[in-house]
N, C-alpha and C. Protein backbone atom coordinates (compact mmCIF):
# COMPACT_ATOMS: atom_id res chain seq x y z
N MET A 1 108.32 36.08 -3.30
CA MET A 1 107.51 35.86 -4.61
C MET A 1 107.88 35.02 -5.69
N THR A 2 107.08 34.13 -5.68
CA THR A 2 107.13 32.39 -6.37
C THR A 2 107.01 33.01 -7.92
N ASP A 3 108.42 32.40 -8.46
CA ASP A 3 108.59 32.32 -10.09
C ASP A 3 107.29 31.63 -11.01
N PRO A 4 106.66 32.25 -11.35
CA PRO A 4 105.72 31.56 -11.97
C PRO A 4 106.33 30.25 -13.19
N ALA A 5 107.59 30.39 -13.61
CA ALA A 5 107.77 29.56 -14.40
C ALA A 5 108.60 28.44 -13.71
N LYS A 6 108.75 28.68 -12.55
CA LYS A 6 109.09 27.40 -11.56
C LYS A 6 108.03 26.70 -11.27
N ASN A 7 106.61 27.30 -11.05
CA ASN A 7 105.58 26.65 -10.52
C ASN A 7 104.90 26.01 -11.84
N GLU A 8 105.22 26.46 -13.01
CA GLU A 8 104.47 25.78 -14.41
C GLU A 8 105.43 24.21 -14.29
N GLU A 9 106.81 24.63 -14.15
CA GLU A 9 107.62 22.91 -13.70
C GLU A 9 106.94 22.45 -13.15
N ALA A 10 107.10 22.94 -12.04
CA ALA A 10 106.42 21.84 -11.41
C ALA A 10 105.27 21.50 -11.42
N VAL A 11 104.82 21.80 -11.96
CA VAL A 11 103.19 20.65 -12.39
C VAL A 11 103.24 19.79 -13.65
N VAL A 12 104.48 20.44 -14.28
CA VAL A 12 104.56 19.55 -15.47
C VAL A 12 105.21 18.39 -14.71
N VAL A 13 106.25 18.49 -13.77
CA VAL A 13 106.71 17.07 -13.39
C VAL A 13 105.84 16.44 -12.53
N LYS A 14 105.10 16.96 -11.83
CA LYS A 14 103.83 16.16 -11.06
C LYS A 14 103.24 15.12 -12.08
N PHE A 15 102.67 16.40 -13.08
CA PHE A 15 101.54 15.37 -14.01
C PHE A 15 102.38 14.86 -14.59
N THR A 16 103.82 14.12 -14.81
CA THR A 16 104.41 13.52 -15.82
C THR A 16 104.51 12.32 -14.53
N GLU A 17 105.51 12.75 -13.28
CA GLU A 17 105.55 11.28 -12.60
C GLU A 17 104.24 10.87 -12.43
N THR A 18 103.22 10.89 -12.00
CA THR A 18 101.72 10.52 -11.75
C THR A 18 101.64 9.87 -13.24
N VAL A 19 101.03 10.50 -14.11
CA VAL A 19 101.10 9.54 -15.60
C VAL A 19 102.04 8.11 -15.81
N SER A 20 103.20 8.50 -15.74
CA SER A 20 104.55 7.46 -15.85
C SER A 20 103.97 6.18 -14.63
N THR A 21 104.13 6.72 -13.65
CA THR A 21 103.70 5.69 -12.36
C THR A 21 102.37 4.85 -12.31
N LEU A 22 101.08 5.29 -13.12
CA LEU A 22 100.06 5.36 -13.21
C LEU A 22 100.24 3.67 -14.64
N ALA A 23 100.75 4.42 -15.20
CA ALA A 23 101.38 3.52 -16.95
C ALA A 23 101.89 2.43 -16.16
N LEU A 24 103.13 2.33 -15.62
CA LEU A 24 103.33 1.34 -14.63
C LEU A 24 103.18 0.30 -14.02
N LEU A 25 102.68 1.06 -12.93
CA LEU A 25 101.69 -0.16 -12.16
C LEU A 25 100.23 -0.91 -13.28
N ASN A 26 99.77 -0.14 -13.78
CA ASN A 26 98.54 -0.91 -14.59
C ASN A 26 99.07 -2.04 -15.43
N THR A 27 100.57 -1.93 -15.54
CA THR A 27 101.43 -2.83 -16.56
C THR A 27 101.54 -3.86 -16.01
N TYR A 28 102.57 -3.40 -14.38
CA TYR A 28 102.31 -4.89 -13.77
C TYR A 28 101.60 -5.40 -13.16
N TRP A 29 100.22 -4.98 -12.91
CA TRP A 29 98.60 -5.62 -12.71
C TRP A 29 98.90 -6.38 -13.92
N LEU A 30 98.57 -5.83 -14.94
CA LEU A 30 98.50 -6.41 -16.09
C LEU A 30 98.92 -8.06 -16.66
N VAL A 31 100.41 -7.68 -16.04
CA VAL A 31 101.00 -8.66 -16.34
C VAL A 31 100.78 -9.84 -14.87
N SER A 32 100.70 -9.17 -14.09
CA SER A 32 100.75 -10.15 -13.21
C SER A 32 98.70 -11.07 -12.92
N ALA A 33 97.80 -10.50 -13.66
CA ALA A 33 96.94 -11.29 -13.72
C ALA A 33 96.75 -12.09 -14.84
N LEU A 34 97.54 -12.14 -15.83
CA LEU A 34 97.53 -13.17 -16.90
C LEU A 34 97.91 -14.56 -16.28
N PHE A 35 98.70 -14.70 -15.29
CA PHE A 35 98.80 -15.87 -14.34
C PHE A 35 97.47 -16.06 -12.82
N ILE A 36 96.36 -15.42 -13.29
CA ILE A 36 95.47 -15.48 -12.81
C ILE A 36 95.64 -15.47 -11.20
N LEU A 37 96.40 -16.43 -10.54
CA LEU A 37 96.43 -16.68 -9.16
C LEU A 37 96.84 -15.32 -8.18
N PRO A 38 97.23 -14.29 -9.02
CA PRO A 38 98.47 -12.95 -8.15
C PRO A 38 97.08 -11.86 -8.50
N LEU A 39 96.30 -12.38 -9.75
CA LEU A 39 95.12 -10.90 -9.68
C LEU A 39 95.03 -10.35 -8.07
N PHE A 40 94.53 -11.05 -6.98
CA PHE A 40 93.71 -10.64 -6.00
C PHE A 40 94.82 -10.06 -5.55
N SER A 41 96.29 -10.21 -5.24
CA SER A 41 97.20 -9.55 -4.45
C SER A 41 97.88 -8.55 -5.58
N ALA A 42 97.75 -8.41 -6.93
CA ALA A 42 98.17 -7.43 -7.57
C ALA A 42 97.29 -6.68 -7.38
N THR A 43 96.03 -6.63 -7.53
CA THR A 43 95.43 -5.35 -7.47
C THR A 43 94.92 -4.54 -6.05
N GLU A 44 95.36 -5.46 -4.90
CA GLU A 44 96.19 -4.71 -3.95
C GLU A 44 96.99 -3.87 -3.85
N ALA A 45 98.31 -4.46 -4.03
CA ALA A 45 99.13 -3.59 -4.10
C ALA A 45 99.42 -3.02 -4.93
N LEU A 46 98.40 -2.77 -6.61
CA LEU A 46 98.14 -1.48 -7.27
C LEU A 46 97.89 -0.17 -6.24
N PHE A 47 96.70 -0.69 -5.40
CA PHE A 47 96.18 0.15 -4.74
C PHE A 47 96.80 0.90 -3.68
N TYR A 48 97.60 0.05 -3.27
CA TYR A 48 99.21 0.26 -2.40
C TYR A 48 100.03 0.77 -2.79
N CYS A 49 100.17 0.98 -3.86
CA CYS A 49 101.38 1.96 -4.68
C CYS A 49 100.76 3.20 -5.11
N VAL A 50 99.52 2.97 -5.35
CA VAL A 50 99.04 4.35 -5.25
C VAL A 50 99.21 5.41 -4.39
N LYS A 51 98.16 4.56 -3.28
CA LYS A 51 98.51 5.15 -2.21
C LYS A 51 99.60 6.11 -1.76
N ARG A 52 100.71 5.11 -2.12
CA ARG A 52 101.85 6.03 -1.32
C ARG A 52 101.79 6.50 -2.13
N HIS A 53 102.11 6.96 -3.90
CA HIS A 53 102.72 7.86 -4.70
C HIS A 53 101.45 9.33 -4.27
N VAL A 54 100.79 9.30 -4.20
CA VAL A 54 99.81 10.19 -3.85
C VAL A 54 99.91 10.93 -2.42
N ASP A 55 100.42 10.11 -1.31
CA ASP A 55 100.57 10.49 -0.06
C ASP A 55 102.18 11.11 -0.16
N THR A 56 103.13 10.44 -1.00
CA THR A 56 104.45 10.64 -1.03
C THR A 56 105.30 11.21 -1.59
N ARG A 57 104.42 11.16 -3.31
CA ARG A 57 104.90 11.23 -4.44
C ARG A 57 105.93 10.52 -4.73
N GLU A 58 105.80 9.16 -4.18
CA GLU A 58 106.80 8.13 -4.51
C GLU A 58 106.64 7.90 -6.12
N THR A 59 107.84 7.59 -6.45
CA THR A 59 107.83 6.93 -7.36
C THR A 59 108.85 5.82 -8.10
N GLY A 60 109.02 4.95 -9.19
CA GLY A 60 109.60 3.64 -8.88
C GLY A 60 109.21 2.69 -7.94
N LEU A 61 107.95 2.15 -8.40
CA LEU A 61 107.48 1.59 -7.23
C LEU A 61 107.47 -0.16 -7.38
N SER A 62 108.13 -0.50 -8.29
CA SER A 62 108.30 -1.65 -8.69
C SER A 62 108.43 -2.77 -8.14
N ARG A 63 109.92 -2.20 -6.92
CA ARG A 63 109.92 -3.22 -6.35
C ARG A 63 108.73 -3.57 -4.97
N VAL A 64 108.02 -2.60 -4.71
CA VAL A 64 107.15 -2.68 -3.81
C VAL A 64 106.40 -3.40 -4.02
N PHE A 65 105.88 -3.18 -5.59
CA PHE A 65 104.51 -3.80 -6.36
C PHE A 65 104.85 -5.17 -6.02
N PHE A 66 105.59 -5.89 -6.81
CA PHE A 66 106.28 -7.24 -6.73
C PHE A 66 106.35 -8.05 -5.28
N THR A 67 106.62 -7.26 -4.36
CA THR A 67 107.37 -7.50 -3.18
C THR A 67 105.90 -8.02 -2.64
N TYR A 68 104.92 -6.96 -3.10
CA TYR A 68 103.43 -6.93 -2.03
C TYR A 68 102.77 -7.98 -2.44
N VAL A 69 102.87 -8.54 -3.90
CA VAL A 69 102.65 -9.30 -4.77
C VAL A 69 102.47 -10.82 -4.22
N LYS A 70 104.23 -10.73 -3.70
CA LYS A 70 104.82 -12.06 -3.52
C LYS A 70 104.15 -12.48 -2.01
N ASP A 71 104.23 -11.63 -1.15
CA ASP A 71 103.97 -11.46 0.23
C ASP A 71 102.79 -11.46 0.52
N ASN A 72 101.91 -11.56 -0.46
CA ASN A 72 100.04 -11.35 0.34
C ASN A 72 99.38 -11.90 -0.95
N LEU A 73 100.30 -13.32 -1.21
CA LEU A 73 99.57 -13.90 -2.88
C LEU A 73 98.04 -14.63 -2.46
N PHE A 74 98.28 -15.52 -0.83
CA PHE A 74 96.86 -16.37 -0.39
C PHE A 74 96.37 -15.24 0.43
N LYS A 75 96.89 -14.16 1.37
CA LYS A 75 96.16 -13.12 2.22
C LYS A 75 94.83 -12.39 1.43
N SER A 76 95.36 -11.77 0.38
CA SER A 76 94.74 -10.96 -0.92
C SER A 76 93.65 -11.71 -1.03
N LEU A 77 93.50 -13.10 -1.41
CA LEU A 77 92.94 -13.87 -2.42
C LEU A 77 91.86 -13.87 -1.18
N LYS A 78 92.12 -14.33 -0.08
CA LYS A 78 90.85 -14.39 0.96
C LYS A 78 90.13 -12.96 1.37
N ARG A 79 91.15 -11.92 0.84
CA ARG A 79 90.04 -10.64 1.57
C ARG A 79 89.74 -10.50 0.19
N GLN A 80 89.90 -10.78 -0.64
CA GLN A 80 89.34 -9.79 -1.63
C GLN A 80 88.28 -10.46 -2.84
N VAL A 81 88.24 -11.96 -2.47
CA VAL A 81 87.67 -12.85 -3.14
C VAL A 81 86.10 -12.82 -3.13
N LEU A 82 85.40 -12.67 -2.17
CA LEU A 82 84.02 -12.29 -1.94
C LEU A 82 83.62 -10.77 -2.42
N PRO A 83 84.59 -9.93 -2.20
CA PRO A 83 83.80 -8.61 -2.96
C PRO A 83 84.17 -8.35 -4.22
N LEU A 84 84.68 -9.33 -5.15
CA LEU A 84 85.30 -9.66 -6.32
C LEU A 84 83.99 -10.31 -7.01
N LEU A 85 83.74 -11.42 -6.24
CA LEU A 85 82.23 -12.21 -6.94
C LEU A 85 81.05 -11.18 -6.56
N VAL A 86 80.91 -10.61 -5.48
CA VAL A 86 79.83 -9.48 -5.76
C VAL A 86 79.42 -8.79 -6.42
N LEU A 87 80.81 -8.16 -7.11
CA LEU A 87 80.98 -6.82 -8.07
C LEU A 87 80.52 -7.76 -9.54
N SER A 88 80.93 -8.83 -9.93
CA SER A 88 80.98 -10.16 -10.86
C SER A 88 79.47 -10.35 -11.51
N VAL A 89 79.28 -10.52 -9.84
CA VAL A 89 77.64 -10.61 -10.20
C VAL A 89 76.61 -10.14 -10.38
N THR A 90 76.75 -8.51 -9.70
CA THR A 90 76.16 -7.36 -9.89
C THR A 90 75.78 -7.27 -11.49
N PHE A 91 77.16 -7.19 -11.97
CA PHE A 91 77.19 -6.78 -13.47
C PHE A 91 76.75 -7.99 -14.76
N LEU A 92 77.35 -9.26 -14.48
CA LEU A 92 76.43 -10.13 -15.16
C LEU A 92 75.49 -9.93 -14.61
N ASP A 93 74.41 -10.41 -13.80
CA ASP A 93 72.81 -9.82 -13.20
C ASP A 93 72.46 -8.74 -14.36
N THR A 94 73.29 -7.55 -14.59
CA THR A 94 72.58 -6.83 -15.58
C THR A 94 72.66 -6.93 -16.84
N LEU A 95 73.59 -7.54 -17.24
CA LEU A 95 73.99 -7.96 -18.79
C LEU A 95 72.84 -9.14 -18.70
N VAL A 96 72.66 -9.81 -18.27
CA VAL A 96 71.57 -11.04 -18.44
C VAL A 96 69.90 -10.26 -18.59
N ILE A 97 69.93 -9.34 -17.95
CA ILE A 97 68.69 -8.41 -17.59
C ILE A 97 68.60 -7.74 -19.04
N TYR A 98 69.37 -6.99 -19.49
CA TYR A 98 69.75 -6.41 -20.98
C TYR A 98 69.21 -7.49 -22.23
N THR A 99 69.50 -8.88 -21.93
CA THR A 99 69.10 -9.93 -23.20
C THR A 99 68.35 -10.07 -22.89
N LEU A 100 67.49 -10.45 -21.82
CA LEU A 100 66.24 -11.27 -21.94
C LEU A 100 65.10 -10.43 -22.49
N PRO A 101 63.98 -11.48 -22.75
CA PRO A 101 63.41 -10.75 -24.22
C PRO A 101 61.83 -10.64 -22.77
N LEU A 102 62.12 -9.48 -22.45
CA LEU A 102 61.20 -9.20 -21.44
C LEU A 102 60.17 -7.74 -21.92
N GLU A 103 59.10 -7.49 -21.19
CA GLU A 103 58.03 -6.65 -21.45
C GLU A 103 58.88 -5.42 -21.58
N PRO A 104 58.77 -4.42 -22.50
CA PRO A 104 59.86 -3.06 -22.36
C PRO A 104 59.85 -2.13 -20.44
N VAL A 105 58.67 -1.82 -19.74
CA VAL A 105 58.61 -1.41 -18.85
C VAL A 105 59.54 -2.15 -17.92
N LEU A 106 58.85 -3.37 -17.84
CA LEU A 106 59.50 -4.55 -16.53
C LEU A 106 61.34 -4.55 -17.20
N ARG A 107 61.50 -4.78 -18.39
CA ARG A 107 62.92 -4.95 -18.37
C ARG A 107 63.90 -3.65 -18.43
N SER A 108 63.40 -2.51 -18.71
CA SER A 108 63.70 -0.96 -18.18
C SER A 108 63.69 -0.72 -16.58
N LEU A 109 62.76 -1.07 -16.09
CA LEU A 109 62.77 -1.37 -14.43
C LEU A 109 63.85 -2.07 -13.97
N LEU A 110 64.03 -3.35 -13.93
CA LEU A 110 64.87 -4.37 -13.97
C LEU A 110 66.40 -3.70 -14.07
N LEU A 111 66.21 -3.14 -15.08
CA LEU A 111 67.59 -2.81 -15.92
C LEU A 111 68.21 -1.67 -15.20
N GLY A 112 67.14 -0.77 -14.44
CA GLY A 112 67.90 0.37 -14.08
C GLY A 112 68.09 -0.09 -12.59
N ILE A 113 67.45 -0.95 -12.06
CA ILE A 113 67.10 -1.14 -10.67
C ILE A 113 69.12 -1.82 -10.29
N PHE A 114 69.45 -3.01 -11.81
CA PHE A 114 70.36 -3.70 -11.33
C PHE A 114 71.34 -2.69 -12.01
N LEU A 115 71.46 -2.22 -12.50
CA LEU A 115 72.50 -0.98 -13.18
C LEU A 115 72.71 -0.01 -11.67
N LEU A 116 72.17 -0.03 -10.90
CA LEU A 116 72.36 0.95 -9.52
C LEU A 116 72.96 0.09 -9.04
N LEU A 117 72.51 -0.84 -8.32
CA LEU A 117 73.18 -2.05 -7.70
C LEU A 117 74.95 -1.88 -8.42
N SER A 118 74.78 -2.45 -9.57
CA SER A 118 76.33 -2.50 -10.12
C SER A 118 77.24 -1.83 -9.63
N LEU A 119 76.35 0.08 -9.93
CA LEU A 119 77.59 1.28 -9.50
C LEU A 119 77.58 1.13 -8.55
N LEU A 120 76.95 0.80 -7.36
CA LEU A 120 76.64 0.80 -6.01
C LEU A 120 77.99 -0.35 -5.54
N ALA A 121 78.14 -1.74 -5.75
CA ALA A 121 78.80 -2.37 -6.03
C ALA A 121 80.19 -2.14 -6.46
N TYR A 122 80.39 -1.49 -7.32
CA TYR A 122 81.84 -1.01 -7.87
C TYR A 122 82.54 -0.09 -7.08
N SER A 123 81.52 0.91 -6.18
CA SER A 123 81.83 2.12 -5.19
C SER A 123 82.18 1.48 -4.12
N LEU A 124 81.63 0.65 -3.54
CA LEU A 124 81.91 -0.29 -2.29
C LEU A 124 83.57 -0.75 -2.63
N PHE A 125 83.48 -1.53 -3.76
CA PHE A 125 84.25 -2.50 -4.60
C PHE A 125 86.24 -1.60 -4.13
N MET A 126 85.88 -0.61 -4.73
CA MET A 126 86.86 0.57 -5.18
C MET A 126 87.43 1.22 -3.51
N TYR A 127 86.11 1.87 -2.91
CA TYR A 127 86.97 2.57 -1.58
C TYR A 127 87.06 1.27 -0.59
N GLN A 128 86.92 0.13 -0.63
CA GLN A 128 87.08 -1.18 0.16
C GLN A 128 88.51 -1.19 0.50
N LEU A 129 89.07 -0.95 -1.32
CA LEU A 129 90.35 -1.00 -1.25
C LEU A 129 91.04 -0.05 -1.05
N VAL A 130 90.74 1.23 -0.75
CA VAL A 130 91.64 2.20 -0.67
C VAL A 130 91.65 2.55 0.78
N ILE A 131 90.55 1.91 1.46
CA ILE A 131 90.33 2.17 2.88
C ILE A 131 91.23 1.33 3.40
N LEU A 132 91.73 0.13 3.09
CA LEU A 132 92.24 -0.85 3.31
C LEU A 132 93.90 -0.32 3.66
N PHE A 133 93.98 0.47 3.35
CA PHE A 133 96.01 0.85 3.35
C PHE A 133 95.69 2.49 3.66
N SER A 134 94.46 3.08 4.67
CA SER A 134 94.47 3.99 5.03
C SER A 134 94.20 4.29 6.06
N GLU A 135 95.31 5.23 6.77
CA GLU A 135 95.35 5.48 7.91
C GLU A 135 95.90 4.38 9.12
N GLY A 136 97.07 3.43 7.86
CA GLY A 136 97.73 1.90 8.81
C GLY A 136 96.83 1.05 9.32
N LYS A 137 95.56 1.17 8.89
CA LYS A 137 94.73 0.07 9.40
C LYS A 137 94.41 -1.01 8.45
N HIS A 138 95.54 -1.48 7.98
CA HIS A 138 95.76 -2.89 7.30
C HIS A 138 94.95 -4.18 7.57
N THR A 139 94.63 -4.34 9.21
CA THR A 139 94.25 -5.60 9.29
C THR A 139 92.71 -5.55 9.84
N GLN A 140 91.77 -4.49 9.48
CA GLN A 140 90.98 -4.27 9.48
C GLN A 140 89.78 -5.17 8.48
N THR A 141 88.60 -5.49 8.96
CA THR A 141 87.83 -6.71 8.71
C THR A 141 87.48 -6.52 7.54
N LEU A 142 86.64 -6.87 6.64
CA LEU A 142 85.93 -6.75 5.28
C LEU A 142 84.82 -6.56 5.61
N LYS A 143 84.52 -6.54 7.04
CA LYS A 143 82.81 -6.18 7.14
C LYS A 143 83.15 -4.29 7.26
N ASN A 144 84.00 -4.28 8.16
CA ASN A 144 84.67 -2.39 8.64
C ASN A 144 84.69 -2.19 7.42
N ARG A 145 85.59 -2.73 6.23
CA ARG A 145 85.74 -1.94 5.48
C ARG A 145 84.32 -1.44 4.59
N VAL A 146 83.59 -2.36 4.65
CA VAL A 146 82.42 -2.30 3.93
C VAL A 146 81.06 -1.15 3.84
N ILE A 147 81.34 -1.55 5.39
CA ILE A 147 80.50 0.15 6.25
C ILE A 147 81.06 1.67 5.86
N LYS A 148 82.49 1.90 6.27
CA LYS A 148 82.81 2.92 5.57
C LYS A 148 82.80 3.01 3.93
N SER A 149 83.08 2.02 3.00
CA SER A 149 82.58 2.16 2.13
C SER A 149 81.03 2.46 1.72
N PHE A 150 80.49 2.44 2.19
CA PHE A 150 78.50 2.92 2.06
C PHE A 150 78.71 3.69 2.60
N PHE A 151 79.24 4.29 3.62
CA PHE A 151 79.26 5.69 4.60
C PHE A 151 79.37 6.68 3.64
N ALA A 152 80.54 6.45 3.06
CA ALA A 152 81.43 7.31 2.20
C ALA A 152 80.31 7.66 0.98
N VAL A 153 79.45 6.37 0.30
CA VAL A 153 79.02 6.96 -1.06
C VAL A 153 77.74 7.31 -0.20
N VAL A 154 76.98 7.11 0.99
CA VAL A 154 76.06 7.74 0.65
C VAL A 154 75.83 9.38 1.61
N ARG A 155 76.90 9.13 2.12
CA ARG A 155 77.24 10.91 2.86
C ARG A 155 77.55 11.67 2.14
N TYR A 156 78.46 11.29 0.88
CA TYR A 156 79.11 11.74 0.26
C TYR A 156 78.91 11.55 -1.46
N PRO A 157 77.24 12.16 -1.44
CA PRO A 157 77.40 11.79 -2.69
C PRO A 157 77.49 12.25 -4.14
N GLN A 158 78.02 13.35 -3.68
CA GLN A 158 78.62 14.31 -4.88
C GLN A 158 80.07 13.97 -5.06
N TYR A 159 80.50 13.18 -4.49
CA TYR A 159 82.16 12.47 -5.09
C TYR A 159 81.52 10.96 -5.55
N SER A 160 80.94 10.52 -5.14
CA SER A 160 80.34 8.92 -5.80
C SER A 160 80.04 9.54 -7.42
N LEU A 161 79.42 10.57 -7.21
CA LEU A 161 78.73 10.60 -8.53
C LEU A 161 79.87 11.12 -9.71
N SER A 162 80.30 11.93 -8.99
CA SER A 162 81.52 12.78 -9.96
C SER A 162 82.41 11.55 -10.34
N LEU A 163 82.60 10.74 -9.30
CA LEU A 163 83.74 10.19 -9.88
C LEU A 163 83.01 9.05 -10.62
N LEU A 164 81.77 8.13 -10.96
CA LEU A 164 81.22 7.98 -11.89
C LEU A 164 81.13 8.46 -13.21
N LEU A 165 80.87 9.78 -13.14
CA LEU A 165 81.06 10.45 -14.37
C LEU A 165 82.14 10.73 -15.05
N ILE A 166 83.30 10.80 -14.18
CA ILE A 166 84.51 11.37 -14.27
C ILE A 166 85.21 9.59 -15.37
N LEU A 167 84.41 8.70 -14.60
CA LEU A 167 85.13 7.25 -15.10
C LEU A 167 84.45 6.51 -16.34
N THR A 168 82.96 7.62 -16.28
CA THR A 168 82.33 6.91 -17.58
C THR A 168 82.56 7.63 -18.87
N VAL A 169 83.28 9.08 -18.68
CA VAL A 169 83.73 9.65 -19.61
C VAL A 169 85.41 8.97 -20.12
N TYR A 170 86.09 8.55 -19.24
CA TYR A 170 87.23 7.97 -19.27
C TYR A 170 87.20 6.90 -19.68
N VAL A 171 86.33 5.72 -19.87
CA VAL A 171 85.91 4.56 -20.63
C VAL A 171 85.47 5.08 -21.94
N LEU A 172 84.28 5.98 -22.13
CA LEU A 172 84.20 6.01 -23.52
C LEU A 172 85.20 6.60 -23.93
N THR A 173 85.75 7.33 -23.86
CA THR A 173 87.23 7.59 -24.49
C THR A 173 87.94 6.73 -24.81
N GLY A 174 88.40 5.69 -23.85
CA GLY A 174 88.80 4.75 -24.11
C GLY A 174 88.70 3.74 -24.89
N LEU A 175 87.14 3.71 -25.22
CA LEU A 175 86.96 2.58 -26.51
C LEU A 175 86.91 3.45 -27.74
N TYR A 176 87.30 4.63 -28.43
CA TYR A 176 88.22 5.03 -29.07
C TYR A 176 89.77 5.42 -29.33
N PHE A 177 90.14 5.30 -28.20
CA PHE A 177 91.80 5.61 -28.26
C PHE A 177 91.79 3.96 -27.03
N VAL A 178 92.12 2.53 -27.74
CA VAL A 178 91.94 1.60 -26.08
C VAL A 178 93.60 2.07 -25.99
N PRO A 179 94.84 2.61 -26.02
CA PRO A 179 95.65 2.62 -25.12
C PRO A 179 95.50 2.88 -23.85
N MET A 180 94.66 3.75 -23.86
CA MET A 180 94.10 4.68 -22.54
C MET A 180 93.85 3.32 -21.33
N LEU A 181 93.14 2.50 -22.07
CA LEU A 181 92.23 0.98 -21.17
C LEU A 181 93.49 0.49 -20.88
N ILE A 182 94.37 0.11 -21.88
CA ILE A 182 95.25 -0.68 -21.65
C ILE A 182 96.39 -0.29 -20.71
N PHE A 183 97.14 1.13 -20.46
CA PHE A 183 98.04 1.49 -19.74
C PHE A 183 97.17 1.92 -18.49
N PHE A 184 95.57 2.30 -18.39
CA PHE A 184 95.56 3.04 -16.69
C PHE A 184 94.03 2.54 -16.60
N GLY A 185 93.78 1.28 -17.34
CA GLY A 185 92.59 0.54 -16.93
C GLY A 185 91.99 0.44 -15.67
N LEU A 186 92.87 0.19 -14.81
CA LEU A 186 92.44 0.03 -13.04
C LEU A 186 93.28 1.26 -12.19
N SER A 187 94.08 1.65 -12.99
CA SER A 187 95.35 2.64 -12.07
C SER A 187 94.68 4.23 -11.75
N PHE A 188 94.22 4.70 -13.28
CA PHE A 188 93.40 5.72 -13.13
C PHE A 188 92.08 5.65 -12.36
N PRO A 189 91.20 4.73 -12.01
CA PRO A 189 90.12 4.64 -11.17
C PRO A 189 90.67 4.68 -9.66
N ALA A 190 91.81 3.85 -9.61
CA ALA A 190 92.48 3.98 -8.07
C ALA A 190 92.78 5.29 -7.73
N TYR A 191 93.68 5.94 -8.82
CA TYR A 191 93.74 6.98 -8.04
C TYR A 191 92.64 7.75 -8.41
N CYS A 192 91.97 7.81 -8.85
CA CYS A 192 90.72 8.97 -8.47
C CYS A 192 90.01 8.26 -7.47
N TYR A 193 89.62 7.26 -6.81
CA TYR A 193 89.22 6.99 -5.43
C TYR A 193 90.11 7.09 -4.64
N THR A 194 91.20 6.93 -4.49
CA THR A 194 92.70 7.37 -3.40
C THR A 194 92.37 9.02 -3.24
N ILE A 195 92.51 9.76 -4.74
CA ILE A 195 92.33 11.00 -4.09
C ILE A 195 91.15 11.55 -3.37
N ILE A 196 89.98 11.26 -3.80
CA ILE A 196 88.86 11.51 -3.01
C ILE A 196 88.51 11.62 -1.88
N PHE A 197 89.05 9.76 -1.54
CA PHE A 197 89.37 9.45 -0.16
C PHE A 197 90.51 10.30 0.69
N SER A 198 91.29 9.97 0.46
CA SER A 198 92.51 10.78 1.25
C SER A 198 92.53 12.16 1.44
N LYS A 199 92.11 12.70 -0.13
CA LYS A 199 92.10 14.31 -0.03
C LYS A 199 90.82 14.99 0.30
N LYS A 200 89.37 14.21 0.45
CA LYS A 200 88.62 15.07 0.38
C LYS A 200 87.67 14.48 1.49
N LEU A 201 87.50 13.69 1.72
CA LEU A 201 86.12 12.72 2.39
C LEU A 201 87.35 12.43 4.18
N THR A 202 87.87 12.27 4.18
CA THR A 202 89.27 12.17 5.20
C THR A 202 89.38 13.47 5.83
N GLN A 203 89.36 14.14 4.80
CA GLN A 203 89.63 15.81 5.71
C GLN A 203 88.12 16.21 6.54
N LYS A 204 86.74 16.17 5.57
CA LYS A 204 85.94 16.18 5.89
C LYS A 204 85.64 15.66 6.81
N SER A 205 85.93 14.10 7.69
CA SER A 205 85.06 13.75 8.24
C SER A 205 86.17 14.28 9.68
N HIS A 206 87.46 14.56 9.89
CA HIS A 206 88.14 14.96 10.84
C HIS A 206 87.58 15.98 11.31
N ARG A 207 87.17 17.27 10.07
CA ARG A 207 86.51 18.72 10.57
C ARG A 207 85.20 18.53 11.71
N MET A 208 84.43 17.48 10.54
CA MET A 208 83.65 17.02 11.70
C MET A 208 83.49 16.83 12.96
N ASP A 209 84.37 15.62 13.04
CA ASP A 209 84.85 15.34 14.49
C ASP A 209 84.94 16.20 15.75
């Protein structure tokens, strides 16, 4: 018979480890992003470290993070510059349409379309980063990662909508408590997408196969 006290203690320990790991990884990412060029490799490094933490509960990932950044400085740039460009363009187009003096009906229609495109681009961007480190397929092409990401979004819309709802609440909360965005700005979304893909979507795909 399990001891409830020990179970509660284990939950607290796991929660503390996850929160501290995500906070540290996001801090490493912010520091790396200040130098502009390592932004791409630092983004991949964060997802790589989050995946290792989710899979093995590994902590103390600072050396792993910075080693990855150093070893993949230009490789990550080639892998991620196009996805990040597409994501940036969709969000900028949405902001431009929001500020344009259009007819109310046309403005609402275009804003809704581009907002959906922006959310789709964001989900694809996040999923393809998770897929990059899933099942040891680090060498798969951007095309394959995007196709798998689109498949994940379309085939399991309940998870995509849940993720967007969670992240919307998170961002709104962060606007009132800014340290949340500073310490978990990318690491928390990366953790959410990694959990969903690794623990839910992959298991469902295996059962269906």
